[in-house]
Amino acid sequence: AVRDGIGAGKFNTERIIANQGPGTYAAQICANYQGGNYGDWYLPSKYELNLLYLQKTAVGGFGNYYWSSTEGDNSNAWTHDFINNFQIFTTKVSTLSVRAIRAF
């Protein structure tokens, strides 16, 4: 799940779920979300997460670190710090927030 850019999060989310199967991990939580009676939510890519950060005042309700669907390697994925605005690799066993999106 290494794609980045607009729409890449949907592809990455589907790929992560296909590889991991059922569970309670970030991609699965976003895919299962039914907000607004919509079922097409997904975990944003690194790029989509940055676009969300740029609109964080308009969207609201953000905390600190959020998972992206863009993997760095087998052990790490990209995360975005919404307080200080930077992206870093974070080990996949860390507990961080998720923000499901539908489309840009």
N, C-alpha and C. Protein backbone atom coordinates (compact mmCIF):
# COMPACT_ATOMS: atom_id res chain seq x y z
N ALA A 1 0.85 -1.19 0.00
CA ALA A 1 0.00 0.00 0.00
C ALA A 1 0.88 1.24 0.00
N VAL A 2 1.55 1.48 -1.10
CA VAL A 2 2.53 2.56 -1.16
C VAL A 2 2.09 3.73 -2.05
N ARG A 3 0.90 3.67 -2.60
CA ARG A 3 0.46 4.76 -3.46
C ARG A 3 0.24 6.02 -2.65
N ASP A 4 0.43 7.15 -3.32
CA ASP A 4 0.22 8.45 -2.71
C ASP A 4 -0.49 9.32 -3.74
N GLY A 5 -1.19 10.34 -3.27
CA GLY A 5 -1.92 11.21 -4.18
C GLY A 5 -3.41 11.10 -3.96
N ILE A 6 -4.15 11.87 -4.73
CA ILE A 6 -5.61 11.86 -4.60
C ILE A 6 -6.15 10.54 -5.15
N GLY A 7 -6.99 9.89 -4.36
CA GLY A 7 -7.56 8.60 -4.73
C GLY A 7 -6.72 7.41 -4.32
N ALA A 8 -5.47 7.65 -3.99
CA ALA A 8 -4.58 6.55 -3.61
C ALA A 8 -4.99 5.90 -2.30
N GLY A 9 -5.58 6.67 -1.40
CA GLY A 9 -6.00 6.12 -0.12
C GLY A 9 -7.02 5.01 -0.27
N LYS A 10 -7.94 5.16 -1.21
CA LYS A 10 -8.94 4.12 -1.45
C LYS A 10 -8.27 2.84 -1.93
N PHE A 11 -7.35 2.96 -2.89
CA PHE A 11 -6.61 1.80 -3.37
C PHE A 11 -5.82 1.16 -2.23
N ASN A 12 -5.08 1.98 -1.48
CA ASN A 12 -4.27 1.46 -0.38
C ASN A 12 -5.12 0.75 0.66
N THR A 13 -6.26 1.36 1.01
CA THR A 13 -7.16 0.77 2.02
C THR A 13 -7.62 -0.61 1.56
N GLU A 14 -8.03 -0.72 0.32
CA GLU A 14 -8.48 -2.02 -0.22
C GLU A 14 -7.35 -3.04 -0.21
N ARG A 15 -6.17 -2.61 -0.55
CA ARG A 15 -5.00 -3.50 -0.57
C ARG A 15 -4.62 -3.97 0.84
N ILE A 16 -4.64 -3.05 1.80
CA ILE A 16 -4.32 -3.40 3.19
C ILE A 16 -5.31 -4.44 3.71
N ILE A 17 -6.59 -4.21 3.46
CA ILE A 17 -7.62 -5.14 3.95
C ILE A 17 -7.49 -6.50 3.27
N ALA A 18 -7.20 -6.50 1.97
CA ALA A 18 -7.02 -7.77 1.25
C ALA A 18 -5.85 -8.57 1.84
N ASN A 19 -4.80 -7.88 2.26
CA ASN A 19 -3.64 -8.56 2.83
C ASN A 19 -3.81 -8.94 4.30
N GLN A 20 -4.51 -8.10 5.07
CA GLN A 20 -4.63 -8.32 6.51
C GLN A 20 -5.86 -9.11 6.92
N GLY A 21 -6.92 -9.03 6.12
CA GLY A 21 -8.16 -9.70 6.49
C GLY A 21 -8.90 -8.92 7.57
N PRO A 22 -9.90 -9.52 8.19
CA PRO A 22 -10.69 -8.83 9.21
C PRO A 22 -9.83 -8.41 10.40
N GLY A 23 -10.23 -7.32 11.05
CA GLY A 23 -9.49 -6.87 12.22
C GLY A 23 -9.92 -5.49 12.66
N THR A 24 -9.20 -4.93 13.59
CA THR A 24 -9.51 -3.61 14.13
C THR A 24 -8.33 -2.66 13.94
N TYR A 25 -7.81 -2.62 12.75
CA TYR A 25 -6.69 -1.75 12.40
C TYR A 25 -7.22 -0.56 11.60
N ALA A 26 -6.38 0.44 11.38
CA ALA A 26 -6.80 1.74 10.83
C ALA A 26 -7.58 1.62 9.52
N ALA A 27 -7.06 0.88 8.56
CA ALA A 27 -7.73 0.77 7.25
C ALA A 27 -9.10 0.12 7.40
N GLN A 28 -9.19 -0.92 8.19
CA GLN A 28 -10.46 -1.63 8.38
C GLN A 28 -11.47 -0.76 9.11
N ILE A 29 -11.03 -0.01 10.10
CA ILE A 29 -11.93 0.88 10.84
C ILE A 29 -12.53 1.92 9.89
N CYS A 30 -11.71 2.50 9.04
CA CYS A 30 -12.21 3.50 8.08
C CYS A 30 -13.17 2.87 7.07
N ALA A 31 -12.82 1.70 6.56
CA ALA A 31 -13.67 1.03 5.57
C ALA A 31 -15.03 0.63 6.17
N ASN A 32 -15.06 0.33 7.45
CA ASN A 32 -16.31 -0.06 8.12
C ASN A 32 -17.17 1.12 8.54
N TYR A 33 -16.61 2.30 8.52
CA TYR A 33 -17.34 3.50 8.97
C TYR A 33 -18.55 3.74 8.07
N GLN A 34 -19.67 4.12 8.68
CA GLN A 34 -20.92 4.33 7.95
C GLN A 34 -21.47 5.74 8.16
N GLY A 35 -20.62 6.72 8.43
CA GLY A 35 -21.06 8.09 8.69
C GLY A 35 -21.90 8.66 7.55
N GLY A 36 -23.00 9.33 7.91
CA GLY A 36 -23.88 9.93 6.92
C GLY A 36 -24.57 8.91 6.03
N ASN A 37 -24.64 7.66 6.50
CA ASN A 37 -25.22 6.55 5.74
C ASN A 37 -24.46 6.26 4.45
N TYR A 38 -23.17 6.60 4.41
CA TYR A 38 -22.31 6.28 3.28
C TYR A 38 -21.40 5.13 3.67
N GLY A 39 -21.10 4.27 2.73
CA GLY A 39 -20.24 3.13 3.00
C GLY A 39 -18.96 3.13 2.19
N ASP A 40 -18.59 4.30 1.65
CA ASP A 40 -17.40 4.36 0.79
C ASP A 40 -16.25 5.12 1.44
N TRP A 41 -16.13 5.02 2.74
CA TRP A 41 -15.05 5.69 3.48
C TRP A 41 -13.76 4.90 3.37
N TYR A 42 -12.64 5.59 3.46
CA TYR A 42 -11.34 4.92 3.43
C TYR A 42 -10.31 5.73 4.21
N LEU A 43 -9.16 5.08 4.45
CA LEU A 43 -8.03 5.71 5.15
C LEU A 43 -7.25 6.53 4.13
N PRO A 44 -7.10 7.84 4.35
CA PRO A 44 -6.45 8.69 3.34
C PRO A 44 -4.97 8.36 3.13
N SER A 45 -4.52 8.63 1.92
CA SER A 45 -3.09 8.52 1.62
C SER A 45 -2.35 9.66 2.33
N LYS A 46 -1.05 9.58 2.31
CA LYS A 46 -0.22 10.63 2.90
C LYS A 46 -0.55 12.00 2.29
N TYR A 47 -0.71 12.05 0.98
CA TYR A 47 -1.02 13.29 0.29
C TYR A 47 -2.43 13.80 0.64
N GLU A 48 -3.41 12.89 0.64
CA GLU A 48 -4.78 13.28 1.00
C GLU A 48 -4.85 13.78 2.44
N LEU A 49 -4.07 13.16 3.33
CA LEU A 49 -4.03 13.60 4.72
C LEU A 49 -3.47 15.01 4.83
N ASN A 50 -2.47 15.32 4.01
CA ASN A 50 -1.93 16.68 4.00
C ASN A 50 -2.96 17.68 3.49
N LEU A 51 -3.72 17.32 2.47
CA LEU A 51 -4.80 18.20 1.99
C LEU A 51 -5.84 18.43 3.08
N LEU A 52 -6.13 17.39 3.84
CA LEU A 52 -7.07 17.52 4.95
C LEU A 52 -6.50 18.46 6.01
N TYR A 53 -5.20 18.35 6.28
CA TYR A 53 -4.56 19.27 7.22
C TYR A 53 -4.72 20.72 6.75
N LEU A 54 -4.56 20.96 5.48
CA LEU A 54 -4.67 22.33 4.95
C LEU A 54 -6.07 22.91 5.13
N GLN A 55 -7.06 22.05 5.32
CA GLN A 55 -8.45 22.48 5.52
C GLN A 55 -8.93 22.18 6.95
N LYS A 56 -8.00 21.96 7.87
CA LYS A 56 -8.37 21.52 9.22
C LYS A 56 -9.26 22.52 9.95
N THR A 57 -9.10 23.80 9.69
CA THR A 57 -9.95 24.80 10.36
C THR A 57 -11.39 24.68 9.87
N ALA A 58 -11.57 24.50 8.59
CA ALA A 58 -12.92 24.37 8.02
C ALA A 58 -13.57 23.05 8.43
N VAL A 59 -12.78 21.98 8.50
CA VAL A 59 -13.32 20.65 8.82
C VAL A 59 -13.50 20.49 10.32
N GLY A 60 -12.47 20.82 11.09
CA GLY A 60 -12.53 20.78 12.55
C GLY A 60 -12.47 19.40 13.17
N GLY A 61 -12.31 19.40 14.49
CA GLY A 61 -12.35 18.17 15.27
C GLY A 61 -11.09 17.33 15.24
N PHE A 62 -9.94 17.94 15.04
CA PHE A 62 -8.70 17.18 14.94
C PHE A 62 -7.93 17.15 16.25
N GLY A 63 -7.21 16.05 16.43
CA GLY A 63 -6.29 15.90 17.54
C GLY A 63 -4.87 16.09 17.04
N ASN A 64 -3.99 15.15 17.38
CA ASN A 64 -2.59 15.29 17.03
C ASN A 64 -2.18 14.41 15.86
N TYR A 65 -1.78 13.17 16.08
CA TYR A 65 -1.25 12.31 15.03
C TYR A 65 -2.33 11.45 14.39
N TYR A 66 -2.27 11.33 13.04
CA TYR A 66 -3.22 10.52 12.28
C TYR A 66 -2.49 9.59 11.33
N TRP A 67 -3.01 8.36 11.22
CA TRP A 67 -2.48 7.39 10.27
C TRP A 67 -2.84 7.76 8.85
N SER A 68 -1.93 7.50 7.93
CA SER A 68 -2.26 7.51 6.51
C SER A 68 -2.25 6.05 6.05
N SER A 69 -2.72 5.83 4.83
CA SER A 69 -2.70 4.47 4.27
C SER A 69 -1.41 4.21 3.50
N THR A 70 -0.52 5.19 3.44
CA THR A 70 0.73 5.05 2.68
C THR A 70 1.80 4.41 3.56
N GLU A 71 2.23 3.22 3.17
CA GLU A 71 3.25 2.52 3.93
C GLU A 71 4.64 3.06 3.61
N GLY A 72 5.52 2.99 4.58
CA GLY A 72 6.91 3.33 4.35
C GLY A 72 7.71 2.07 4.07
N ASP A 73 7.42 1.01 4.82
CA ASP A 73 8.04 -0.30 4.65
C ASP A 73 7.18 -1.30 5.41
N ASN A 74 7.67 -2.51 5.59
CA ASN A 74 6.86 -3.54 6.26
C ASN A 74 6.49 -3.21 7.69
N SER A 75 7.28 -2.38 8.35
CA SER A 75 7.06 -2.09 9.77
C SER A 75 6.50 -0.71 10.05
N ASN A 76 6.53 0.19 9.07
CA ASN A 76 6.17 1.60 9.30
C ASN A 76 5.21 2.12 8.24
N ALA A 77 4.42 3.09 8.65
CA ALA A 77 3.54 3.81 7.73
C ALA A 77 3.68 5.30 8.01
N TRP A 78 3.26 6.11 7.05
CA TRP A 78 3.33 7.56 7.22
C TRP A 78 2.21 8.04 8.13
N THR A 79 2.53 8.96 9.01
CA THR A 79 1.55 9.63 9.86
C THR A 79 1.72 11.13 9.72
N HIS A 80 0.66 11.85 10.10
CA HIS A 80 0.70 13.31 10.00
C HIS A 80 0.40 13.90 11.38
N ASP A 81 1.26 14.79 11.82
CA ASP A 81 1.08 15.53 13.07
C ASP A 81 0.28 16.78 12.74
N PHE A 82 -0.98 16.83 13.19
CA PHE A 82 -1.87 17.94 12.88
C PHE A 82 -1.65 19.16 13.79
N ILE A 83 -0.81 19.03 14.79
CA ILE A 83 -0.49 20.18 15.65
C ILE A 83 0.70 20.95 15.06
N ASN A 84 1.77 20.22 14.71
CA ASN A 84 2.99 20.86 14.23
C ASN A 84 3.21 20.75 12.72
N ASN A 85 2.29 20.12 12.01
CA ASN A 85 2.32 19.98 10.56
C ASN A 85 3.60 19.36 10.02
N PHE A 86 3.80 18.09 10.36
CA PHE A 86 4.87 17.34 9.71
C PHE A 86 4.44 15.89 9.58
N GLN A 87 5.04 15.20 8.62
CA GLN A 87 4.76 13.79 8.39
C GLN A 87 6.00 12.97 8.68
N ILE A 88 5.79 11.83 9.34
CA ILE A 88 6.91 10.96 9.72
C ILE A 88 6.49 9.50 9.57
N PHE A 89 7.52 8.61 9.49
CA PHE A 89 7.28 7.18 9.58
C PHE A 89 6.97 6.85 11.03
N THR A 90 5.97 6.02 11.24
CA THR A 90 5.63 5.56 12.58
C THR A 90 5.45 4.05 12.53
N THR A 91 5.96 3.36 13.54
CA THR A 91 5.82 1.91 13.58
C THR A 91 4.34 1.52 13.61
N LYS A 92 3.97 0.51 12.86
CA LYS A 92 2.58 0.11 12.70
C LYS A 92 1.92 -0.40 13.97
N VAL A 93 2.70 -0.71 14.98
CA VAL A 93 2.11 -1.18 16.23
C VAL A 93 1.71 -0.02 17.15
N SER A 94 1.99 1.21 16.75
CA SER A 94 1.61 2.38 17.55
C SER A 94 0.11 2.61 17.50
N THR A 95 -0.41 3.20 18.56
CA THR A 95 -1.83 3.54 18.62
C THR A 95 -1.98 5.02 18.33
N LEU A 96 -2.59 5.33 17.18
CA LEU A 96 -2.82 6.72 16.77
C LEU A 96 -4.26 6.85 16.29
N SER A 97 -4.67 8.07 16.01
CA SER A 97 -6.02 8.33 15.54
C SER A 97 -6.15 8.05 14.05
N VAL A 98 -7.39 7.87 13.61
CA VAL A 98 -7.70 7.76 12.19
C VAL A 98 -8.76 8.79 11.85
N ARG A 99 -8.74 9.22 10.60
CA ARG A 99 -9.76 10.15 10.09
C ARG A 99 -10.18 9.62 8.74
N ALA A 100 -11.33 9.01 8.67
CA ALA A 100 -11.83 8.44 7.42
C ALA A 100 -12.27 9.56 6.48
N ILE A 101 -12.03 9.34 5.19
CA ILE A 101 -12.49 10.28 4.17
C ILE A 101 -13.27 9.51 3.12
N ARG A 102 -14.02 10.23 2.29
CA ARG A 102 -14.76 9.61 1.20
C ARG A 102 -14.14 9.91 -0.14
N ALA A 103 -13.87 11.17 -0.43
CA ALA A 103 -13.31 11.56 -1.72
C ALA A 103 -12.89 13.02 -1.68
N PHE A 104 -12.03 13.39 -2.59
CA PHE A 104 -11.64 14.79 -2.75
C PHE A 104 -12.17 15.28 -4.06
